[in-house]
Amino acid sequence: MTVAIKNNNKIPLVVPASVRRRAGFKSGQELEFKASGGVITILPKMPSADDEYTAEQRAFIDAQLDADENTHFHGPFETTDALIAHVKNEIKKRAVLKKSKRP
């Protein structure tokens, strides 16, 4: 859909209702405008994480993330072949552990 309007600096730029409907924008919805290289992009404003969690919930999540940082990491790998070899080796190790735990 293309709609042409004339930009007049005395009157605010208005997005036609048909374009807003087609984009799925709701009345009262917060929008974000980004301008770059002669292009204006209008996006729905996403909620921030601060609005989503309470202070206690954020503290709990941060503690979990800190605890996870102390776990064992693998990589980075030089090549995808090195990654694949590592994964296959881990699968073999887990299969041996699983067999040894059988009654």
PDB file of N, CA and C in Angstrom:
ATOM      1  N   MET A   1       0.849  -1.179   0.000  1.00  0.00           N
ATOM      2  CA  MET A   1       0.000   0.000   0.000  1.00  0.00           C
ATOM      3  C   MET A   1       0.887   1.232   0.000  1.00  0.00           C
ATOM      4  N   THR A   2       0.620   2.158  -0.871  1.00  0.00           N
ATOM      5  CA  THR A   2       1.372   3.397  -0.940  1.00  0.00           C
ATOM      6  C   THR A   2       0.408   4.559  -0.828  1.00  0.00           C
ATOM      7  N   VAL A   3       0.707   5.486   0.053  1.00  0.00           N
ATOM      8  CA  VAL A   3      -0.094   6.690   0.221  1.00  0.00           C
ATOM      9  C   VAL A   3       0.864   7.864   0.126  1.00  0.00           C
ATOM     10  N   ALA A   4       0.559   8.823  -0.725  1.00  0.00           N
ATOM     11  CA  ALA A   4       1.408  10.004  -0.878  1.00  0.00           C
ATOM     12  C   ALA A   4       0.734  11.188  -0.204  1.00  0.00           C
ATOM     13  N   ILE A   5       1.513  11.934   0.576  1.00  0.00           N
ATOM     14  CA  ILE A   5       1.010  13.153   1.203  1.00  0.00           C
ATOM     15  C   ILE A   5       2.057  14.236   1.005  1.00  0.00           C
ATOM     16  N   LYS A   6       1.659  15.486   1.128  1.00  0.00           N
ATOM     17  CA  LYS A   6       2.584  16.603   0.970  1.00  0.00           C
ATOM     18  C   LYS A   6       3.036  17.044   2.356  1.00  0.00           C
ATOM     19  N   ASN A   7       4.353  17.164   2.530  1.00  0.00           N
ATOM     20  CA  ASN A   7       4.912  17.600   3.806  1.00  0.00           C
ATOM     21  C   ASN A   7       4.872  19.118   3.860  1.00  0.00           C
ATOM     22  N   ASN A   8       4.166  19.649   4.831  1.00  0.00           N
ATOM     23  CA  ASN A   8       4.071  21.082   5.039  1.00  0.00           C
ATOM     24  C   ASN A   8       4.610  21.347   6.430  1.00  0.00           C
ATOM     25  N   ASN A   9       5.679  22.112   6.534  1.00  0.00           N
ATOM     26  CA  ASN A   9       6.321  22.346   7.827  1.00  0.00           C
ATOM     27  C   ASN A   9       5.433  23.071   8.828  1.00  0.00           C
ATOM     28  N   LYS A  10       4.357  23.720   8.355  1.00  0.00           N
ATOM     29  CA  LYS A  10       3.460  24.433   9.264  1.00  0.00           C
ATOM     30  C   LYS A  10       2.469  23.494   9.942  1.00  0.00           C
ATOM     31  N   ILE A  11       2.198  22.361   9.289  1.00  0.00           N
ATOM     32  CA  ILE A  11       1.234  21.403   9.815  1.00  0.00           C
ATOM     33  C   ILE A  11       1.992  20.123  10.183  1.00  0.00           C
ATOM     34  N   PRO A  12       1.720  19.550  11.352  1.00  0.00           N
ATOM     35  CA  PRO A  12       2.419  18.310  11.738  1.00  0.00           C
ATOM     36  C   PRO A  12       2.181  17.207  10.716  1.00  0.00           C
ATOM     37  N   LEU A  13       3.186  16.362  10.544  1.00  0.00           N
ATOM     38  CA  LEU A  13       3.072  15.221   9.644  1.00  0.00           C
ATOM     39  C   LEU A  13       2.112  14.216  10.267  1.00  0.00           C
ATOM     40  N   VAL A  14       1.108  13.799   9.514  1.00  0.00           N
ATOM     41  CA  VAL A  14       0.078  12.904  10.019  1.00  0.00           C
ATOM     42  C   VAL A  14       0.123  11.608   9.213  1.00  0.00           C
ATOM     43  N   VAL A  15       0.129  10.478   9.920  1.00  0.00           N
ATOM     44  CA  VAL A  15       0.066   9.182   9.257  1.00  0.00           C
ATOM     45  C   VAL A  15      -1.414   8.878   9.028  1.00  0.00           C
ATOM     46  N   PRO A  16      -1.801   8.671   7.767  1.00  0.00           N
ATOM     47  CA  PRO A  16      -3.219   8.410   7.487  1.00  0.00           C
ATOM     48  C   PRO A  16      -3.748   7.203   8.261  1.00  0.00           C
ATOM     49  N   ALA A  17      -5.021   7.269   8.613  1.00  0.00           N
ATOM     50  CA  ALA A  17      -5.655   6.204   9.402  1.00  0.00           C
ATOM     51  C   ALA A  17      -5.560   4.858   8.703  1.00  0.00           C
ATOM     52  N   SER A  18      -5.695   4.835   7.375  1.00  0.00           N
ATOM     53  CA  SER A  18      -5.626   3.561   6.645  1.00  0.00           C
ATOM     54  C   SER A  18      -4.251   2.915   6.789  1.00  0.00           C
ATOM     55  N   VAL A  19      -3.201   3.741   6.832  1.00  0.00           N
ATOM     56  CA  VAL A  19      -1.841   3.217   6.993  1.00  0.00           C
ATOM     57  C   VAL A  19      -1.646   2.696   8.418  1.00  0.00           C
ATOM     58  N   ARG A  20      -2.161   3.430   9.418  1.00  0.00           N
ATOM     59  CA  ARG A  20      -2.054   2.981  10.815  1.00  0.00           C
ATOM     60  C   ARG A  20      -2.785   1.662  11.011  1.00  0.00           C
ATOM     61  N   ARG A  21      -3.980   1.537  10.416  1.00  0.00           N
ATOM     62  CA  ARG A  21      -4.733   0.276  10.525  1.00  0.00           C
ATOM     63  C   ARG A  21      -3.965  -0.864   9.884  1.00  0.00           C
ATOM     64  N   ARG A  22      -3.420  -0.613   8.701  1.00  0.00           N
ATOM     65  CA  ARG A  22      -2.686  -1.666   7.978  1.00  0.00           C
ATOM     66  C   ARG A  22      -1.455  -2.108   8.775  1.00  0.00           C
ATOM     67  N   ALA A  23      -0.829  -1.177   9.490  1.00  0.00           N
ATOM     68  CA  ALA A  23       0.344  -1.503  10.311  1.00  0.00           C
ATOM     69  C   ALA A  23      -0.057  -2.189  11.609  1.00  0.00           C
ATOM     70  N   GLY A  24      -1.334  -2.121  11.968  1.00  0.00           N
ATOM     71  CA  GLY A  24      -1.797  -2.777  13.189  1.00  0.00           C
ATOM     72  C   GLY A  24      -1.610  -1.941  14.442  1.00  0.00           C
ATOM     73  N   PHE A  25      -1.386  -0.625  14.275  1.00  0.00           N
ATOM     74  CA  PHE A  25      -1.224   0.235  15.441  1.00  0.00           C
ATOM     75  C   PHE A  25      -2.578   0.482  16.098  1.00  0.00           C
ATOM     76  N   LYS A  26      -2.592   0.411  17.425  1.00  0.00           N
ATOM     77  CA  LYS A  26      -3.817   0.606  18.196  1.00  0.00           C
ATOM     78  C   LYS A  26      -3.853   2.032  18.757  1.00  0.00           C
ATOM     79  N   SER A  27      -5.028   2.522  19.010  1.00  0.00           N
ATOM     80  CA  SER A  27      -5.191   3.846  19.596  1.00  0.00           C
ATOM     81  C   SER A  27      -4.549   3.872  20.987  1.00  0.00           C
ATOM     82  N   GLY A  28      -3.752   4.876  21.273  1.00  0.00           N
ATOM     83  CA  GLY A  28      -3.099   5.005  22.573  1.00  0.00           C
ATOM     84  C   GLY A  28      -1.802   4.233  22.696  1.00  0.00           C
ATOM     85  N   GLN A  29      -1.454   3.460  21.687  1.00  0.00           N
ATOM     86  CA  GLN A  29      -0.227   2.660  21.726  1.00  0.00           C
ATOM     87  C   GLN A  29       0.992   3.579  21.602  1.00  0.00           C
ATOM     88  N   GLU A  30       2.027   3.303  22.396  1.00  0.00           N
ATOM     89  CA  GLU A  30       3.268   4.077  22.298  1.00  0.00           C
ATOM     90  C   GLU A  30       4.060   3.605  21.099  1.00  0.00           C
ATOM     91  N   LEU A  31       4.587   4.559  20.327  1.00  0.00           N
ATOM     92  CA  LEU A  31       5.339   4.245  19.129  1.00  0.00           C
ATOM     93  C   LEU A  31       6.745   4.827  19.223  1.00  0.00           C
ATOM     94  N   GLU A  32       7.662   4.202  18.520  1.00  0.00           N
ATOM     95  CA  GLU A  32       9.055   4.628  18.490  1.00  0.00           C
ATOM     96  C   GLU A  32       9.378   5.051  17.057  1.00  0.00           C
ATOM     97  N   PHE A  33       9.984   6.214  16.865  1.00  0.00           N
ATOM     98  CA  PHE A  33      10.347   6.707  15.554  1.00  0.00           C
ATOM     99  C   PHE A  33      11.858   6.657  15.403  1.00  0.00           C
ATOM    100  N   LYS A  34      12.328   6.099  14.281  1.00  0.00           N
ATOM    101  CA  LYS A  34      13.757   6.058  13.989  1.00  0.00           C
ATOM    102  C   LYS A  34      13.949   6.661  12.605  1.00  0.00           C
ATOM    103  N   ALA A  35      14.899   7.599  12.492  1.00  0.00           N
ATOM    104  CA  ALA A  35      15.159   8.238  11.209  1.00  0.00           C
ATOM    105  C   ALA A  35      16.596   7.971  10.800  1.00  0.00           C
ATOM    106  N   SER A  36      16.777   7.569   9.533  1.00  0.00           N
ATOM    107  CA  SER A  36      18.107   7.299   9.016  1.00  0.00           C
ATOM    108  C   SER A  36      18.085   7.362   7.496  1.00  0.00           C
ATOM    109  N   GLY A  37      18.946   8.184   6.938  1.00  0.00           N
ATOM    110  CA  GLY A  37      19.081   8.244   5.484  1.00  0.00           C
ATOM    111  C   GLY A  37      17.803   8.569   4.744  1.00  0.00           C
ATOM    112  N   GLY A  38      17.015   9.497   5.242  1.00  0.00           N
ATOM    113  CA  GLY A  38      15.792   9.888   4.563  1.00  0.00           C
ATOM    114  C   GLY A  38      14.636   8.927   4.745  1.00  0.00           C
ATOM    115  N   VAL A  39      14.793   7.945   5.648  1.00  0.00           N
ATOM    116  CA  VAL A  39      13.743   6.964   5.903  1.00  0.00           C
ATOM    117  C   VAL A  39      13.320   7.067   7.361  1.00  0.00           C
ATOM    118  N   ILE A  40      12.035   7.126   7.592  1.00  0.00           N
ATOM    119  CA  ILE A  40      11.502   7.128   8.961  1.00  0.00           C
ATOM    120  C   ILE A  40      10.844   5.780   9.194  1.00  0.00           C
ATOM    121  N   THR A  41      11.268   5.097  10.253  1.00  0.00           N
ATOM    122  CA  THR A  41      10.686   3.815  10.617  1.00  0.00           C
ATOM    123  C   THR A  41       9.884   4.007  11.888  1.00  0.00           C
ATOM    124  N   ILE A  42       8.648   3.532  11.885  1.00  0.00           N
ATOM    125  CA  ILE A  42       7.782   3.638  13.055  1.00  0.00           C
ATOM    126  C   ILE A  42       7.528   2.231  13.572  1.00  0.00           C
ATOM    127  N   LEU A  43       7.879   2.015  14.842  1.00  0.00           N
ATOM    128  CA  LEU A  43       7.728   0.698  15.459  1.00  0.00           C
ATOM    129  C   LEU A  43       6.965   0.822  16.768  1.00  0.00           C
ATOM    130  N   PRO A  44       6.233  -0.231  17.163  1.00  0.00           N
ATOM    131  CA  PRO A  44       5.611  -0.198  18.489  1.00  0.00           C
ATOM    132  C   PRO A  44       6.703  -0.183  19.548  1.00  0.00           C
ATOM    133  N   LYS A  45       6.533   0.626  20.583  1.00  0.00           N
ATOM    134  CA  LYS A  45       7.533   0.706  21.653  1.00  0.00           C
ATOM    135  C   LYS A  45       7.443  -0.563  22.493  1.00  0.00           C
ATOM    136  N   MET A  46       8.572  -1.246  22.627  1.00  0.00           N
ATOM    137  CA  MET A  46       8.625  -2.481  23.397  1.00  0.00           C
ATOM    138  C   MET A  46       8.779  -2.143  24.880  1.00  0.00           C
ATOM    139  N   PRO A  47       8.150  -2.902  25.754  1.00  0.00           N
ATOM    140  CA  PRO A  47       8.305  -2.638  27.194  1.00  0.00           C
ATOM    141  C   PRO A  47       9.733  -2.943  27.621  1.00  0.00           C
ATOM    142  N   SER A  48      10.226  -2.173  28.572  1.00  0.00           N
ATOM    143  CA  SER A  48      11.568  -2.429  29.078  1.00  0.00           C
ATOM    144  C   SER A  48      11.504  -3.506  30.154  1.00  0.00           C
ATOM    145  N   ALA A  49      12.634  -4.123  30.432  1.00  0.00           N
ATOM    146  CA  ALA A  49      12.685  -5.168  31.450  1.00  0.00           C
ATOM    147  C   ALA A  49      12.340  -4.596  32.824  1.00  0.00           C
ATOM    148  N   ASP A  50      12.598  -3.302  33.036  1.00  0.00           N
ATOM    149  CA  ASP A  50      12.278  -2.685  34.318  1.00  0.00           C
ATOM    150  C   ASP A  50      10.776  -2.686  34.574  1.00  0.00           C
ATOM    151  N   ASP A  51       9.988  -2.601  33.496  1.00  0.00           N
ATOM    152  CA  ASP A  51       8.537  -2.606  33.653  1.00  0.00           C
ATOM    153  C   ASP A  51       7.996  -4.014  33.844  1.00  0.00           C
ATOM    154  N   GLU A  52       8.792  -5.013  33.486  1.00  0.00           N
ATOM    155  CA  GLU A  52       8.307  -6.383  33.438  1.00  0.00           C
ATOM    156  C   GLU A  52       8.484  -7.125  34.763  1.00  0.00           C
ATOM    157  N   TYR A  53       9.522  -6.798  35.538  1.00  0.00           N
ATOM    158  CA  TYR A  53       9.831  -7.530  36.758  1.00  0.00           C
ATOM    159  C   TYR A  53       9.915  -6.590  37.953  1.00  0.00           C
ATOM    160  N   THR A  54       9.591  -7.129  39.130  1.00  0.00           N
ATOM    161  CA  THR A  54       9.759  -6.366  40.355  1.00  0.00           C
ATOM    162  C   THR A  54      11.240  -6.368  40.728  1.00  0.00           C
ATOM    163  N   ALA A  55      11.613  -5.536  41.678  1.00  0.00           N
ATOM    164  CA  ALA A  55      13.015  -5.478  42.114  1.00  0.00           C
ATOM    165  C   ALA A  55      13.465  -6.830  42.667  1.00  0.00           C
ATOM    166  N   GLU A  56      12.586  -7.523  43.398  1.00  0.00           N
ATOM    167  CA  GLU A  56      12.929  -8.827  43.958  1.00  0.00           C
ATOM    168  C   GLU A  56      13.139  -9.859  42.851  1.00  0.00           C
ATOM    169  N   GLN A  57      12.268  -9.823  41.850  1.00  0.00           N
ATOM    170  CA  GLN A  57      12.410 -10.755  40.731  1.00  0.00           C
ATOM    171  C   GLN A  57      13.705 -10.502  39.962  1.00  0.00           C
ATOM    172  N   ARG A  58      14.044  -9.226  39.740  1.00  0.00           N
ATOM    173  CA  ARG A  58      15.297  -8.897  39.041  1.00  0.00           C
ATOM    174  C   ARG A  58      16.500  -9.360  39.846  1.00  0.00           C
ATOM    175  N   ALA A  59      16.458  -9.202  41.173  1.00  0.00           N
ATOM    176  CA  ALA A  59      17.562  -9.648  42.031  1.00  0.00           C
ATOM    177  C   ALA A  59      17.733 -11.160  41.935  1.00  0.00           C
ATOM    178  N   PHE A  60      16.622 -11.894  41.924  1.00  0.00           N
ATOM    179  CA  PHE A  60      16.672 -13.353  41.800  1.00  0.00           C
ATOM    180  C   PHE A  60      17.266 -13.765  40.455  1.00  0.00           C
ATOM    181  N   ILE A  61      16.811 -13.129  39.384  1.00  0.00           N
ATOM    182  CA  ILE A  61      17.321 -13.440  38.039  1.00  0.00           C
ATOM    183  C   ILE A  61      18.813 -13.131  37.959  1.00  0.00           C
ATOM    184  N   ASP A  62      19.230 -11.981  38.495  1.00  0.00           N
ATOM    185  CA  ASP A  62      20.654 -11.621  38.479  1.00  0.00           C
ATOM    186  C   ASP A  62      21.487 -12.639  39.249  1.00  0.00           C
ATOM    187  N   ALA A  63      20.967 -13.129  40.381  1.00  0.00           N
ATOM    188  CA  ALA A  63      21.688 -14.135  41.169  1.00  0.00           C
ATOM    189  C   ALA A  63      21.822 -15.433  40.378  1.00  0.00           C
ATOM    190  N   GLN A  64      20.762 -15.833  39.680  1.00  0.00           N
ATOM    191  CA  GLN A  64      20.812 -17.044  38.855  1.00  0.00           C
ATOM    192  C   GLN A  64      21.843 -16.891  37.733  1.00  0.00           C
ATOM    193  N   LEU A  65      21.863 -15.727  37.100  1.00  0.00           N
ATOM    194  CA  LEU A  65      22.828 -15.488  36.024  1.00  0.00           C
ATOM    195  C   LEU A  65      24.256 -15.521  36.558  1.00  0.00           C
ATOM    196  N   ASP A  66      24.473 -14.924  37.736  1.00  0.00           N
ATOM    197  CA  ASP A  66      25.805 -14.955  38.346  1.00  0.00           C
ATOM    198  C   ASP A  66      26.229 -16.381  38.658  1.00  0.00           C
ATOM    199  N   ALA A  67      25.304 -17.202  39.160  1.00  0.00           N
ATOM    200  CA  ALA A  67      25.616 -18.594  39.479  1.00  0.00           C
ATOM    201  C   ALA A  67      25.951 -19.372  38.212  1.00  0.00           C
ATOM    202  N   ASP A  68      25.224 -19.110  37.138  1.00  0.00           N
ATOM    203  CA  ASP A  68      25.464 -19.804  35.873  1.00  0.00           C
ATOM    204  C   ASP A  68      26.826 -19.451  35.273  1.00  0.00           C
ATOM    205  N   GLU A  69      27.337 -18.264  35.583  1.00  0.00           N
ATOM    206  CA  GLU A  69      28.646 -17.870  35.063  1.00  0.00           C
ATOM    207  C   GLU A  69      29.761 -18.730  35.637  1.00  0.00           C
ATOM    208  N   ASN A  70      29.507 -19.385  36.750  1.00  0.00           N
ATOM    209  CA  ASN A  70      30.527 -20.221  37.386  1.00  0.00           C
ATOM    210  C   ASN A  70      30.518 -21.658  36.862  1.00  0.00           C
ATOM    211  N   THR A  71      29.644 -21.968  35.913  1.00  0.00           N
ATOM    212  CA  THR A  71      29.609 -23.314  35.358  1.00  0.00           C
ATOM    213  C   THR A  71      30.660 -23.452  34.273  1.00  0.00           C
ATOM    214  N   HIS A  72      30.915 -24.692  33.852  1.00  0.00           N
ATOM    215  CA  HIS A  72      31.954 -24.975  32.870  1.00  0.00           C
ATOM    216  C   HIS A  72      31.498 -24.606  31.458  1.00  0.00           C
ATOM    217  N   PHE A  73      32.335 -23.860  30.753  1.00  0.00           N
ATOM    218  CA  PHE A  73      32.037 -23.466  29.383  1.00  0.00           C
ATOM    219  C   PHE A  73      32.950 -24.208  28.425  1.00  0.00           C
ATOM    220  N   HIS A  74      32.509 -24.378  27.190  1.00  0.00           N
ATOM    221  CA  HIS A  74      33.302 -24.985  26.130  1.00  0.00           C
ATOM    222  C   HIS A  74      33.451 -23.975  25.005  1.00  0.00           C
ATOM    223  N   GLY A  75      34.579 -24.060  24.313  1.00  0.00           N
ATOM    224  CA  GLY A  75      34.781 -23.187  23.164  1.00  0.00           C
ATOM    225  C   GLY A  75      35.439 -21.893  23.586  1.00  0.00           C
ATOM    226  N   PRO A  76      35.612 -20.987  22.685  1.00  0.00           N
ATOM    227  CA  PRO A  76      35.198 -21.031  21.294  1.00  0.00           C
ATOM    228  C   PRO A  76      36.022 -22.050  20.509  1.00  0.00           C
ATOM    229  N   PHE A  77      35.435 -22.542  19.451  1.00  0.00           N
ATOM    230  CA  PHE A  77      36.077 -23.548  18.626  1.00  0.00           C
ATOM    231  C   PHE A  77      36.659 -22.890  17.387  1.00  0.00           C
ATOM    232  N   GLU A  78      37.781 -23.427  16.932  1.00  0.00           N
ATOM    233  CA  GLU A  78      38.452 -22.867  15.761  1.00  0.00           C
ATOM    234  C   GLU A  78      37.644 -23.110  14.483  1.00  0.00           C
ATOM    235  N   THR A  79      37.020 -24.286  14.398  1.00  0.00           N
ATOM    236  CA  THR A  79      36.253 -24.625  13.195  1.00  0.00           C
ATOM    237  C   THR A  79      34.962 -25.320  13.604  1.00  0.00           C
ATOM    238  N   THR A  80      34.060 -25.447  12.649  1.00  0.00           N
ATOM    239  CA  THR A  80      32.824 -26.189  12.929  1.00  0.00           C
ATOM    240  C   THR A  80      33.130 -27.668  13.119  1.00  0.00           C
ATOM    241  N   ASP A  81      34.166 -28.168  12.437  1.00  0.00           N
ATOM    242  CA  ASP A  81      34.554 -29.574  12.618  1.00  0.00           C
ATOM    243  C   ASP A  81      35.002 -29.834  14.051  1.00  0.00           C
ATOM    244  N   ALA A  82      35.717 -28.871  14.639  1.00  0.00           N
ATOM    245  CA  ALA A  82      36.154 -29.010  16.036  1.00  0.00           C
ATOM    246  C   ALA A  82      34.939 -29.030  16.965  1.00  0.00           C
ATOM    247  N   LEU A  83      33.958 -28.196  16.682  1.00  0.00           N
ATOM    248  CA  LEU A  83      32.730 -28.179  17.480  1.00  0.00           C
ATOM    249  C   LEU A  83      32.006 -29.517  17.374  1.00  0.00           C
ATOM    250  N   ILE A  84      31.860 -30.023  16.149  1.00  0.00           N
ATOM    251  CA  ILE A  84      31.162 -31.296  15.938  1.00  0.00           C
ATOM    252  C   ILE A  84      31.884 -32.439  16.645  1.00  0.00           C
ATOM    253  N   ALA A  85      33.209 -32.454  16.562  1.00  0.00           N
ATOM    254  CA  ALA A  85      33.987 -33.497  17.238  1.00  0.00           C
ATOM    255  C   ALA A  85      33.768 -33.423  18.745  1.00  0.00           C
ATOM    256  N   HIS A  86      33.747 -32.213  19.287  1.00  0.00           N
ATOM    257  CA  HIS A  86      33.534 -32.028  20.726  1.00  0.00           C
ATOM    258  C   HIS A  86      32.153 -32.556  21.126  1.00  0.00           C
ATOM    259  N   VAL A  87      31.121 -32.221  20.354  1.00  0.00           N
ATOM    260  CA  VAL A  87      29.753 -32.645  20.676  1.00  0.00           C
ATOM    261  C   VAL A  87      29.654 -34.175  20.632  1.00  0.00           C
ATOM    262  N   LYS A  88      30.243 -34.785  19.610  1.00  0.00           N
ATOM    263  CA  LYS A  88      30.211 -36.250  19.503  1.00  0.00           C
ATOM    264  C   LYS A  88      30.915 -36.895  20.693  1.00  0.00           C
ATOM    265  N   ASN A  89      32.025 -36.311  21.116  1.00  0.00           N
ATOM    266  CA  ASN A  89      32.764 -36.821  22.271  1.00  0.00           C
ATOM    267  C   ASN A  89      31.926 -36.707  23.544  1.00  0.00           C
ATOM    268  N   GLU A  90      31.222 -35.595  23.708  1.00  0.00           N
ATOM    269  CA  GLU A  90      30.357 -35.406  24.875  1.00  0.00           C
ATOM    270  C   GLU A  90      29.215 -36.425  24.875  1.00  0.00           C
ATOM    271  N   ILE A  91      28.666 -36.710  23.717  1.00  0.00           N
ATOM    272  CA  ILE A  91      27.590 -37.699  23.615  1.00  0.00           C
ATOM    273  C   ILE A  91      28.089 -39.073  24.049  1.00  0.00           C
ATOM    274  N   LYS A  92      29.295 -39.428  23.599  1.00  0.00           N
ATOM    275  CA  LYS A  92      29.882 -40.719  23.989  1.00  0.00           C
ATOM    276  C   LYS A  92      30.089 -40.783  25.498  1.00  0.00           C
ATOM    277  N   LYS A  93      30.615 -39.702  26.090  1.00  0.00           N
ATOM    278  CA  LYS A  93      30.848 -39.659  27.537  1.00  0.00           C
ATOM    279  C   LYS A  93      29.539 -39.843  28.306  1.00  0.00           C
ATOM    280  N   ARG A  94      28.496 -39.169  27.867  1.00  0.00           N
ATOM    281  CA  ARG A  94      27.212 -39.264  28.554  1.00  0.00           C
ATOM    282  C   ARG A  94      26.604 -40.650  28.412  1.00  0.00           C
ATOM    283  N   ALA A  95      26.803 -41.288  27.264  1.00  0.00           N
ATOM    284  CA  ALA A  95      26.293 -42.643  27.062  1.00  0.00           C
ATOM    285  C   ALA A  95      26.989 -43.611  28.007  1.00  0.00           C
ATOM    286  N   VAL A  96      28.306 -43.438  28.196  1.00  0.00           N
ATOM    287  CA  VAL A  96      29.056 -44.298  29.118  1.00  0.00           C
ATOM    288  C   VAL A  96      28.583 -44.084  30.550  1.00  0.00           C
ATOM    289  N   LEU A  97      28.375 -42.809  30.937  1.00  0.00           N
ATOM    290  CA  LEU A  97      27.878 -42.512  32.277  1.00  0.00           C
ATOM    291  C   LEU A  97      26.500 -43.120  32.498  1.00  0.00           C
ATOM    292  N   LYS A  98      25.650 -43.029  31.491  1.00  0.00           N
ATOM    293  CA  LYS A  98      24.300 -43.562  31.601  1.00  0.00           C
ATOM    294  C   LYS A  98      24.316 -45.086  31.796  1.00  0.00           C
ATOM    295  N   LYS A  99      25.209 -45.770  31.046  1.00  0.00           N
ATOM    296  CA  LYS A  99      25.321 -47.219  31.182  1.00  0.00           C
ATOM    297  C   LYS A  99      25.856 -47.612  32.542  1.00  0.00           C
ATOM    298  N   SER A 100      26.789 -46.834  33.062  1.00  0.00           N
ATOM    299  CA  SER A 100      27.386 -47.174  34.361  1.00  0.00           C
ATOM    300  C   SER A 100      26.411 -46.957  35.509  1.00  0.00           C
ATOM    301  N   LYS A 101      25.387 -46.138  35.320  1.00  0.00           N
ATOM    302  CA  LYS A 101      24.404 -45.865  36.386  1.00  0.00           C
ATOM    303  C   LYS A 101      23.254 -46.854  36.371  1.00  0.00           C
ATOM    304  N   ARG A 102      23.208 -47.753  35.393  1.00  0.00           N
ATOM    305  CA  ARG A 102      22.131 -48.746  35.346  1.00  0.00           C
ATOM    306  C   ARG A 102      22.272 -49.719  36.498  1.00  0.00           C
ATOM    307  N   PRO A 103      21.132 -50.207  37.046  1.00  0.00           N
ATOM    308  CA  PRO A 103      21.206 -51.156  38.180  1.00  0.00           C
ATOM    309  C   PRO A 103      21.676 -52.524  37.757  1.00  0.00           C
TER     310      PRO A 103
END
